[in-house]
């Protein structure tokens, strides 16, 4: 799994950070940033859920 995010479209809902803080964080403005682009298998379901829950679809999972 590869995880990426587009900060330009992030609306700072923070849902991804609350759901998977091992993978997502926020910068000084609150915009999403990926801190683990290749998360371990035990986090894959949570990452997919966070991506589906992103209101602007700013998170991509490959």
N, C-alpha and C. Protein backbone atom coordinates (compact mmCIF):
# COMPACT_ATOMS: atom_id res chain seq x y z
N UNK A 1 0.85 -1.18 0.00
CA UNK A 1 0.00 0.00 0.00
C UNK A 1 0.89 1.23 0.00
N UNK A 2 0.49 2.20 -0.83
CA UNK A 2 1.15 3.51 -0.85
C UNK A 2 0.08 4.56 -0.58
N UNK A 3 0.37 5.47 0.34
CA UNK A 3 -0.58 6.50 0.74
C UNK A 3 0.00 7.86 0.40
N UNK A 4 -0.83 8.71 -0.16
CA UNK A 4 -0.43 10.10 -0.44
C UNK A 4 -1.64 11.00 -0.19
N UNK A 5 -1.38 12.28 -0.08
CA UNK A 5 -2.45 13.23 0.18
C UNK A 5 -2.15 14.54 -0.54
N UNK A 6 -3.20 15.23 -0.91
CA UNK A 6 -3.10 16.52 -1.57
C UNK A 6 -3.51 17.60 -0.58
N UNK A 7 -2.54 18.33 -0.09
CA UNK A 7 -2.80 19.37 0.90
C UNK A 7 -3.62 20.53 0.35
N UNK A 8 -3.51 20.78 -0.94
CA UNK A 8 -4.22 21.90 -1.54
C UNK A 8 -5.73 21.75 -1.48
N UNK A 9 -6.21 20.51 -1.44
CA UNK A 9 -7.66 20.30 -1.40
C UNK A 9 -8.16 19.95 0.00
N UNK A 10 -7.28 19.80 0.95
CA UNK A 10 -7.65 19.45 2.32
C UNK A 10 -8.45 20.59 2.96
N UNK A 11 -9.54 20.23 3.64
CA UNK A 11 -10.36 21.23 4.32
C UNK A 11 -10.21 21.15 5.84
N UNK A 12 -9.18 20.47 6.29
CA UNK A 12 -8.81 20.42 7.70
C UNK A 12 -9.91 19.81 8.57
N UNK A 13 -10.55 18.76 8.09
CA UNK A 13 -11.55 18.09 8.91
C UNK A 13 -10.90 17.25 10.01
N UNK A 14 -9.67 16.85 9.80
CA UNK A 14 -8.85 16.10 10.77
C UNK A 14 -9.32 14.67 11.01
N UNK A 15 -10.30 14.20 10.27
CA UNK A 15 -10.79 12.84 10.48
C UNK A 15 -9.69 11.80 10.26
N UNK A 16 -8.87 12.00 9.27
CA UNK A 16 -7.80 11.04 8.98
C UNK A 16 -6.82 10.95 10.15
N UNK A 17 -6.50 12.09 10.74
CA UNK A 17 -5.56 12.12 11.86
C UNK A 17 -6.15 11.39 13.06
N UNK A 18 -7.42 11.60 13.33
CA UNK A 18 -8.07 10.92 14.45
C UNK A 18 -8.17 9.41 14.22
N UNK A 19 -8.40 9.02 12.97
CA UNK A 19 -8.58 7.60 12.67
C UNK A 19 -7.27 6.83 12.64
N UNK A 20 -6.23 7.44 12.05
CA UNK A 20 -4.96 6.72 11.90
C UNK A 20 -3.78 7.67 12.16
N UNK A 21 -3.55 8.04 13.41
CA UNK A 21 -2.47 8.97 13.71
C UNK A 21 -1.08 8.42 13.42
N UNK A 22 -0.98 7.11 13.23
CA UNK A 22 0.31 6.51 12.85
C UNK A 22 0.68 6.84 11.41
N UNK A 23 -0.30 7.24 10.61
CA UNK A 23 -0.08 7.49 9.17
C UNK A 23 -0.26 8.96 8.80
N UNK A 24 -1.22 9.63 9.46
CA UNK A 24 -1.55 11.01 9.09
C UNK A 24 -1.24 11.99 10.22
N UNK A 25 -0.85 13.18 9.82
CA UNK A 25 -0.62 14.27 10.76
C UNK A 25 -1.07 15.55 10.06
N UNK A 26 -0.92 16.66 10.74
CA UNK A 26 -1.28 17.96 10.17
C UNK A 26 -0.10 18.90 10.28
N UNK A 27 0.03 19.80 9.30
CA UNK A 27 1.07 20.81 9.37
C UNK A 27 0.59 21.98 10.23
N UNK A 28 1.34 23.05 10.25
CA UNK A 28 1.02 24.21 11.10
C UNK A 28 -0.36 24.81 10.79
N UNK A 29 -0.80 24.72 9.54
CA UNK A 29 -2.10 25.25 9.15
C UNK A 29 -3.23 24.24 9.33
N UNK A 30 -2.89 23.03 9.73
CA UNK A 30 -3.90 21.99 9.91
C UNK A 30 -4.10 21.11 8.69
N UNK A 31 -3.34 21.35 7.65
CA UNK A 31 -3.46 20.58 6.41
C UNK A 31 -2.86 19.18 6.59
N UNK A 32 -3.51 18.21 6.00
CA UNK A 32 -3.05 16.82 6.10
C UNK A 32 -1.64 16.66 5.56
N UNK A 33 -0.90 15.79 6.23
CA UNK A 33 0.38 15.33 5.69
C UNK A 33 0.54 13.87 6.07
N UNK A 34 1.14 13.13 5.18
CA UNK A 34 1.33 11.69 5.37
C UNK A 34 2.69 11.48 6.04
N UNK A 35 2.69 10.85 7.20
CA UNK A 35 3.95 10.61 7.89
C UNK A 35 4.45 9.18 7.69
N UNK A 36 3.60 8.30 7.19
CA UNK A 36 4.01 6.94 6.85
C UNK A 36 3.34 6.54 5.54
N UNK A 37 4.00 6.80 4.41
CA UNK A 37 3.39 6.51 3.11
C UNK A 37 3.30 5.02 2.78
N UNK A 38 3.95 4.19 3.57
CA UNK A 38 3.92 2.74 3.36
C UNK A 38 3.59 2.04 4.68
N UNK A 39 2.34 2.19 5.15
CA UNK A 39 1.98 1.67 6.47
C UNK A 39 1.96 0.14 6.51
N UNK A 40 2.12 -0.41 7.72
CA UNK A 40 2.08 -1.87 7.86
C UNK A 40 0.68 -2.41 7.57
N UNK A 41 0.63 -3.68 7.26
CA UNK A 41 -0.62 -4.33 6.86
C UNK A 41 -1.73 -4.18 7.88
N UNK A 42 -1.40 -4.16 9.15
CA UNK A 42 -2.46 -4.08 10.17
C UNK A 42 -3.19 -2.74 10.16
N UNK A 43 -2.63 -1.73 9.47
CA UNK A 43 -3.28 -0.42 9.38
C UNK A 43 -4.02 -0.21 8.06
N UNK A 44 -3.92 -1.13 7.13
CA UNK A 44 -4.50 -0.94 5.80
C UNK A 44 -6.00 -0.67 5.83
N UNK A 45 -6.75 -1.42 6.60
CA UNK A 45 -8.20 -1.20 6.66
C UNK A 45 -8.52 0.19 7.21
N UNK A 46 -7.81 0.59 8.24
CA UNK A 46 -8.04 1.91 8.84
C UNK A 46 -7.68 3.02 7.87
N UNK A 47 -6.61 2.85 7.10
CA UNK A 47 -6.21 3.86 6.12
C UNK A 47 -7.26 3.96 5.02
N UNK A 48 -7.74 2.83 4.55
CA UNK A 48 -8.80 2.85 3.52
C UNK A 48 -10.05 3.54 4.05
N UNK A 49 -10.40 3.29 5.28
CA UNK A 49 -11.55 3.93 5.90
C UNK A 49 -11.35 5.44 6.00
N UNK A 50 -10.16 5.85 6.37
CA UNK A 50 -9.85 7.28 6.46
C UNK A 50 -9.94 7.93 5.08
N UNK A 51 -9.45 7.25 4.06
CA UNK A 51 -9.52 7.79 2.70
C UNK A 51 -10.97 7.92 2.25
N UNK A 52 -11.79 6.92 2.52
CA UNK A 52 -13.21 6.98 2.16
C UNK A 52 -13.93 8.09 2.92
N UNK A 53 -13.50 8.36 4.14
CA UNK A 53 -14.15 9.37 4.96
C UNK A 53 -13.69 10.79 4.71
N UNK A 54 -12.67 10.97 3.90
CA UNK A 54 -12.16 12.31 3.61
C UNK A 54 -13.20 13.08 2.78
N UNK A 55 -13.69 14.20 3.30
CA UNK A 55 -14.76 14.93 2.60
C UNK A 55 -14.35 15.50 1.25
N UNK A 56 -13.06 15.69 1.03
CA UNK A 56 -12.61 16.25 -0.25
C UNK A 56 -11.84 15.24 -1.10
N UNK A 57 -11.80 14.00 -0.63
CA UNK A 57 -11.07 12.94 -1.34
C UNK A 57 -9.60 13.33 -1.57
N UNK A 58 -9.01 13.94 -0.59
CA UNK A 58 -7.63 14.39 -0.68
C UNK A 58 -6.61 13.29 -0.43
N UNK A 59 -7.07 12.14 0.06
CA UNK A 59 -6.19 11.02 0.37
C UNK A 59 -6.29 9.98 -0.73
N UNK A 60 -5.14 9.54 -1.20
CA UNK A 60 -5.08 8.52 -2.23
C UNK A 60 -4.38 7.27 -1.69
N UNK A 61 -4.95 6.11 -2.00
CA UNK A 61 -4.38 4.84 -1.59
C UNK A 61 -4.20 4.00 -2.83
N UNK A 62 -2.98 3.48 -3.00
CA UNK A 62 -2.67 2.61 -4.14
C UNK A 62 -2.24 1.26 -3.63
